[in-house]
Amino acid sequence: MKKMKPWLSAMRLRTLPLSVSGIILGTCFAIYNGRFSWWVLVLAILTTISLQVLSNLANDYGDGVKGTDNEDRVGPQRAIQSGIITPDEMLEAIKFNIIVVIILTLSLIMAAFGPANFLFLLLFMFLGGLSVYAALNYTMGDSPYGYKALGDIFVFIFFGLISTIGSYLLYVHTIDHVVVLPAIALGLLSVGVLNLNNMRDLEADAKVGKITIAVKLGIKRAKQYHYVLITGAMLTAVVFSILYYVEESYNFLYLAAFIPLVIHLKKIKAAKAPNEFDIQLKVLAMSTFLFALLLGVGYILY
């Protein structure tokens, strides 16, 4: 029981709503097109959560053994950094989590496609393997891409495009242009969450040689980059609603999520200290989840 709290902290439960946003969005558009399966939904959510937890544990391990998580870091203390969980224990948890991901991924593929759709089976097995690779190599290994300012690209691809379009494909068994713009909007918001995290850790990351987009840009231009990400997502959503207008006001429900997003941008403009960025992490993550939920539900109601 003593170690339960550090393990839960290492899993970073506050990141889970963001991780399932694409699943919810893709599922809603599948329902709009008359396709749905409870088995696929439950397994897709469990698979996504297990991948997110894997990524969080791997991040704790990678930054912990490299010394990136140190006394200069702002935010919740990490598990290895605290000393309560050893690197060996974390590595064992990562291995166990990989097994869980494999089992859930195979179960999801079979529930969605069955044994007959061989090409889809291969595609999603490849995507599953790629997702595990991305989760592990963000901070782990000798050449982690998270230390080379590549994290933003991977987050956009996995949290936006693959999560949304991939989940839609699980139900409908075809790629549809209708989900592309929502996937892009969600990807931009997800990158915004990562950039916010990197702005918070900018000084600490620079000291230990962890190169992120925020470190490359500096705090002033990193803020400008953040504005572009969030406003870009909002504009993409508006363009989508205009192009795919369904003669009802429901497909503009997501505009309610713009209120916390605009307030968030004002807070970021005024932010100076690392803890001011840290406070906004949960705000942006939950606003992104709300955006995905309202955008998807708006089309189901029609």
Protein backbone atom coordinates (compact mmCIF):
# COMPACT_ATOMS: atom_id res chain seq x y z
CA MET A 1 0.00 0.00 0.00
CA LYS A 2 2.94 2.30 0.68
CA LYS A 3 3.90 2.27 -2.98
CA MET A 4 0.36 2.60 -4.36
CA LYS A 5 0.44 6.39 -4.43
CA PRO A 6 3.81 6.62 -6.27
CA TRP A 7 2.62 4.04 -8.84
CA LEU A 8 -0.60 5.97 -9.45
CA SER A 9 1.44 9.14 -9.75
CA ALA A 10 3.76 7.44 -12.27
CA MET A 11 0.73 6.42 -14.34
CA ARG A 12 -0.25 10.13 -14.52
CA LEU A 13 -3.99 9.57 -14.44
CA ARG A 14 -4.67 13.19 -15.39
CA THR A 15 -3.39 12.43 -18.90
CA LEU A 16 -5.97 9.68 -19.53
CA PRO A 17 -8.93 11.89 -20.60
CA LEU A 18 -6.73 13.42 -23.30
CA SER A 19 -5.60 9.99 -24.50
CA VAL A 20 -9.17 8.77 -25.12
CA SER A 21 -10.37 11.97 -26.82
CA GLY A 22 -9.57 10.63 -30.30
CA ILE A 23 -11.39 7.36 -29.55
CA ILE A 24 -14.50 9.27 -28.52
CA LEU A 25 -14.35 11.51 -31.58
CA GLY A 26 -13.80 8.64 -34.03
CA THR A 27 -16.56 6.60 -32.37
CA CYS A 28 -19.06 9.45 -32.61
CA PHE A 29 -18.48 9.88 -36.34
CA ALA A 30 -18.83 6.13 -36.81
CA ILE A 31 -22.20 6.27 -35.00
CA TYR A 32 -23.19 9.19 -37.24
CA ASN A 33 -22.56 6.87 -40.20
CA GLY A 34 -24.56 4.04 -38.65
CA ARG A 35 -21.74 1.84 -37.31
CA PHE A 36 -21.04 1.00 -33.68
CA SER A 37 -19.89 -1.85 -31.43
CA TRP A 38 -19.68 -1.78 -27.64
CA TRP A 39 -16.91 -4.39 -27.71
CA VAL A 40 -14.82 -2.24 -30.04
CA LEU A 41 -15.42 0.88 -27.95
CA VAL A 42 -14.48 -0.76 -24.63
CA LEU A 43 -11.41 -2.51 -26.06
CA ALA A 44 -10.30 0.63 -27.92
CA ILE A 45 -10.49 2.69 -24.71
CA LEU A 46 -8.66 0.03 -22.67
CA THR A 47 -5.97 -0.32 -25.34
CA THR A 48 -5.47 3.44 -25.54
CA ILE A 49 -5.30 3.81 -21.77
CA SER A 50 -2.78 0.96 -21.51
CA LEU A 51 -0.63 2.62 -24.19
CA GLN A 52 -0.84 5.96 -22.38
CA VAL A 53 0.14 4.36 -19.07
CA LEU A 54 3.02 2.60 -20.85
CA SER A 55 4.17 5.91 -22.26
CA ASN A 56 3.95 7.58 -18.84
CA LEU A 57 5.91 4.80 -17.10
CA ALA A 58 8.54 4.82 -19.85
CA ASN A 59 8.79 8.60 -19.58
CA ASP A 60 9.31 8.35 -15.83
CA TYR A 61 11.98 5.70 -16.37
CA GLY A 62 13.77 7.50 -19.20
CA ASP A 63 13.87 10.92 -17.53
CA GLY A 64 14.63 9.32 -14.16
CA VAL A 65 17.72 7.35 -15.19
CA LYS A 66 19.00 10.24 -17.33
CA GLY A 67 18.71 12.65 -14.41
CA THR A 68 16.28 14.92 -16.25
CA ASP A 69 13.83 14.66 -13.35
CA ASN A 70 15.76 16.50 -10.64
CA GLU A 71 15.31 19.23 -8.03
CA ASP A 72 14.94 21.88 -10.78
CA ARG A 73 11.80 20.23 -12.15
CA VAL A 74 8.40 21.85 -11.47
CA GLY A 75 5.24 19.80 -11.02
CA PRO A 76 4.48 16.45 -9.32
CA GLN A 77 7.57 14.53 -8.22
CA ARG A 78 8.20 11.52 -10.44
CA ALA A 79 8.37 7.96 -9.09
CA ILE A 80 12.06 7.22 -9.79
CA GLN A 81 13.01 10.78 -8.85
CA SER A 82 11.40 10.25 -5.42
CA GLY A 83 13.45 7.09 -4.82
CA ILE A 84 10.39 5.13 -3.65
CA ILE A 85 10.32 3.13 -6.91
CA THR A 86 13.62 1.85 -8.27
CA PRO A 87 14.56 1.84 -11.98
CA ASP A 88 14.49 -1.99 -11.96
CA GLU A 89 10.97 -2.02 -10.53
CA MET A 90 9.84 0.50 -13.12
CA LEU A 91 11.40 -1.55 -15.92
CA GLU A 92 9.52 -4.64 -14.74
CA ALA A 93 6.27 -2.66 -14.72
CA ILE A 94 6.98 -1.48 -18.27
CA LYS A 95 7.53 -5.07 -19.46
CA PHE A 96 4.28 -6.19 -17.82
CA ASN A 97 2.45 -3.25 -19.40
CA ILE A 98 3.76 -4.20 -22.86
CA ILE A 99 2.20 -7.67 -22.43
CA VAL A 100 -1.11 -6.04 -21.46
CA VAL A 101 -0.95 -3.78 -24.53
CA ILE A 102 -0.29 -6.74 -26.84
CA ILE A 103 -3.23 -8.74 -25.42
CA LEU A 104 -5.62 -5.78 -25.64
CA THR A 105 -4.46 -4.80 -29.13
CA LEU A 106 -4.97 -8.32 -30.50
CA SER A 107 -8.38 -8.53 -28.81
CA LEU A 108 -9.38 -5.18 -30.31
CA ILE A 109 -8.27 -6.19 -33.80
CA MET A 110 -10.21 -9.45 -33.66
CA ALA A 111 -13.33 -7.72 -32.29
CA ALA A 112 -13.21 -5.08 -35.02
CA PHE A 113 -12.26 -7.14 -38.06
CA GLY A 114 -12.39 -10.86 -37.27
CA PRO A 115 -9.99 -13.28 -38.98
CA ALA A 116 -11.22 -12.56 -42.52
CA ASN A 117 -9.91 -9.00 -42.99
CA PHE A 118 -6.24 -9.91 -43.29
CA LEU A 119 -5.02 -6.53 -44.56
CA PHE A 120 -6.71 -4.66 -41.72
CA LEU A 121 -5.24 -7.17 -39.27
CA LEU A 122 -1.76 -6.45 -40.59
CA LEU A 123 -2.33 -2.69 -40.61
CA PHE A 124 -3.46 -2.52 -36.99
CA MET A 125 -0.80 -4.94 -35.80
CA PHE A 126 1.74 -2.61 -37.41
CA LEU A 127 0.10 0.45 -35.80
CA GLY A 128 0.08 -1.33 -32.45
CA GLY A 129 3.78 -2.09 -32.71
CA LEU A 130 4.48 1.47 -33.81
CA SER A 131 2.53 2.81 -30.85
CA VAL A 132 4.56 0.71 -28.41
CA TYR A 133 7.77 1.92 -30.07
CA ALA A 134 6.64 5.55 -29.78
CA ALA A 135 5.63 5.08 -26.14
CA LEU A 136 9.00 3.59 -25.18
CA ASN A 137 11.35 5.74 -27.20
CA TYR A 138 10.09 9.19 -26.22
CA THR A 139 12.61 9.34 -23.37
CA MET A 140 14.07 5.81 -23.14
CA GLY A 141 17.12 4.48 -24.94
CA ASP A 142 20.34 6.05 -26.21
CA SER A 143 18.61 8.27 -28.78
CA PRO A 144 15.12 9.20 -27.53
CA TYR A 145 13.15 11.34 -29.99
CA GLY A 146 11.73 13.42 -27.13
CA TYR A 147 15.23 14.82 -26.60
CA LYS A 148 15.50 15.84 -30.26
CA ALA A 149 12.48 18.17 -30.50
CA LEU A 150 10.45 15.47 -32.29
CA GLY A 151 7.84 14.89 -29.59
CA ASP A 152 5.39 17.37 -31.14
CA ILE A 153 5.31 15.47 -34.44
CA PHE A 154 4.70 12.12 -32.75
CA VAL A 155 1.95 13.54 -30.51
CA PHE A 156 0.19 15.08 -33.52
CA ILE A 157 0.32 11.79 -35.41
CA PHE A 158 -0.68 9.45 -32.57
CA PHE A 159 -3.04 11.59 -30.47
CA GLY A 160 -4.65 13.27 -33.46
CA LEU A 161 -4.51 11.36 -36.74
CA ILE A 162 -4.09 7.73 -35.69
CA SER A 163 -6.33 7.97 -32.62
CA THR A 164 -9.26 9.60 -34.44
CA ILE A 165 -9.01 8.16 -37.95
CA GLY A 166 -7.87 4.77 -36.64
CA SER A 167 -10.79 4.42 -34.23
CA TYR A 168 -13.23 5.40 -37.00
CA LEU A 169 -11.66 2.75 -39.22
CA LEU A 170 -12.22 0.10 -36.53
CA TYR A 171 -15.97 0.52 -36.91
CA VAL A 172 -16.49 1.52 -40.54
CA HIS A 173 -13.62 -0.44 -42.15
CA THR A 174 -12.84 2.41 -44.51
CA ILE A 175 -11.10 5.80 -44.30
CA ASP A 176 -13.48 8.73 -44.75
CA HIS A 177 -12.49 12.34 -45.42
CA VAL A 178 -15.10 13.50 -42.87
CA VAL A 179 -12.79 12.64 -39.94
CA VAL A 180 -9.61 14.27 -41.28
CA LEU A 181 -10.18 17.87 -40.13
CA PRO A 182 -11.42 16.83 -36.65
CA ALA A 183 -8.34 14.61 -36.34
CA ILE A 184 -6.09 17.56 -37.27
CA ALA A 185 -7.83 19.85 -34.76
CA LEU A 186 -7.46 17.28 -31.98
CA GLY A 187 -3.82 16.70 -32.92
CA LEU A 188 -3.05 20.42 -32.65
CA LEU A 189 -4.67 20.65 -29.21
CA SER A 190 -2.75 17.57 -28.05
CA VAL A 191 0.53 19.12 -29.23
CA GLY A 192 -0.52 22.20 -27.25
CA VAL A 193 -0.62 20.07 -24.09
CA LEU A 194 2.90 18.80 -24.77
CA ASN A 195 4.16 22.30 -25.57
CA LEU A 196 2.66 23.58 -22.33
CA ASN A 197 4.50 20.84 -20.45
CA ASN A 198 7.71 21.75 -22.28
CA MET A 199 7.31 25.48 -21.53
CA ARG A 200 6.97 24.59 -17.86
CA ASP A 201 10.16 22.50 -17.98
CA LEU A 202 12.09 24.75 -20.39
CA GLU A 203 14.86 25.86 -18.04
CA ALA A 204 15.28 22.44 -16.40
CA ASP A 205 15.33 20.65 -19.79
CA ALA A 206 17.89 23.09 -21.22
CA LYS A 207 20.22 22.42 -18.28
CA VAL A 208 20.31 18.66 -18.86
CA GLY A 209 20.41 18.82 -22.67
CA LYS A 210 16.83 17.75 -23.36
CA ILE A 211 16.00 19.60 -26.57
CA THR A 212 12.32 20.33 -27.07
CA ILE A 213 10.59 22.80 -29.39
CA ALA A 214 10.19 25.11 -26.39
CA VAL A 215 13.93 24.94 -25.65
CA LYS A 216 14.72 25.68 -29.29
CA LEU A 217 12.31 28.61 -29.51
CA GLY A 218 12.74 30.19 -26.09
CA ILE A 219 9.80 31.11 -23.89
CA LYS A 220 8.58 34.11 -25.93
CA ARG A 221 8.37 32.27 -29.25
CA ALA A 222 7.20 29.07 -27.54
CA LYS A 223 4.20 31.06 -26.34
CA GLN A 224 3.57 32.28 -29.89
CA TYR A 225 3.83 28.70 -31.12
CA HIS A 226 1.26 27.76 -28.46
CA TYR A 227 -1.15 30.43 -29.69
CA VAL A 228 -0.81 29.07 -33.23
CA LEU A 229 -1.55 25.51 -32.07
CA ILE A 230 -4.68 26.38 -30.09
CA THR A 231 -6.13 28.96 -32.49
CA GLY A 232 -5.22 26.69 -35.41
CA ALA A 233 -7.25 23.88 -33.83
CA MET A 234 -10.20 26.20 -33.27
CA LEU A 235 -10.13 27.51 -36.84
CA THR A 236 -9.81 23.97 -38.24
CA ALA A 237 -12.92 22.95 -36.30
CA VAL A 238 -14.87 25.94 -37.59
CA VAL A 239 -13.83 25.22 -41.19
CA PHE A 240 -14.91 21.61 -40.70
CA SER A 241 -18.35 22.66 -39.42
CA ILE A 242 -18.85 24.98 -42.37
CA LEU A 243 -17.78 22.36 -44.92
CA TYR A 244 -19.84 19.60 -43.30
CA TYR A 245 -22.78 21.66 -42.10
CA VAL A 246 -25.78 19.43 -41.35
CA GLU A 247 -28.52 22.09 -41.19
CA GLU A 248 -28.71 21.90 -37.41
CA SER A 249 -27.06 23.94 -34.69
CA TYR A 250 -25.90 20.79 -32.87
CA ASN A 251 -22.73 20.51 -34.93
CA PHE A 252 -21.59 23.80 -33.35
CA LEU A 253 -21.90 22.48 -29.78
CA TYR A 254 -18.11 22.33 -29.53
CA LEU A 255 -17.97 26.15 -29.57
CA ALA A 256 -18.68 25.94 -25.83
CA ALA A 257 -15.19 24.43 -25.43
CA PHE A 258 -13.72 27.59 -26.97
CA ILE A 259 -14.54 29.51 -23.79
CA PRO A 260 -12.02 27.70 -21.54
CA LEU A 261 -9.55 27.60 -24.46
CA VAL A 262 -9.66 31.40 -24.88
CA ILE A 263 -9.31 31.89 -21.12
CA HIS A 264 -6.40 29.45 -21.21
CA LEU A 265 -4.63 31.51 -23.90
CA LYS A 266 -5.02 34.64 -21.79
CA LYS A 267 -3.50 32.83 -18.82
CA ILE A 268 -0.56 31.65 -20.94
CA LYS A 269 0.05 35.17 -22.23
CA ALA A 270 0.40 36.39 -18.64
CA ALA A 271 2.31 33.33 -17.36
CA LYS A 272 5.94 33.78 -16.31
CA ALA A 273 6.78 31.23 -13.61
CA PRO A 274 6.91 27.46 -14.39
CA ASN A 275 4.12 26.68 -11.90
CA GLU A 276 1.79 29.02 -13.83
CA PHE A 277 2.21 26.77 -16.88
CA ASP A 278 1.79 23.65 -14.74
CA ILE A 279 -1.60 24.81 -13.45
CA GLN A 280 -2.84 25.15 -17.03
CA LEU A 281 -1.95 21.55 -18.01
CA LYS A 282 -5.12 20.06 -16.54
CA VAL A 283 -7.17 22.96 -17.91
CA LEU A 284 -6.00 22.39 -21.48
CA ALA A 285 -6.24 18.60 -21.27
CA MET A 286 -9.82 18.72 -19.99
CA SER A 287 -10.76 21.46 -22.48
CA THR A 288 -9.46 19.22 -25.27
CA PHE A 289 -11.52 16.31 -23.97
CA LEU A 290 -14.60 18.57 -23.80
CA PHE A 291 -13.94 19.77 -27.35
CA ALA A 292 -13.74 16.20 -28.69
CA LEU A 293 -16.84 15.12 -26.79
CA LEU A 294 -18.99 18.06 -27.91
CA LEU A 295 -17.81 17.92 -31.52
CA GLY A 296 -18.61 14.21 -31.72
CA VAL A 297 -21.91 14.34 -29.82
CA GLY A 298 -23.05 17.28 -31.94
CA TYR A 299 -23.08 15.05 -35.01
CA ILE A 300 -24.75 12.13 -33.22
CA LEU A 301 -27.63 14.40 -32.13
CA TYR A 302 -28.25 15.30 -35.74
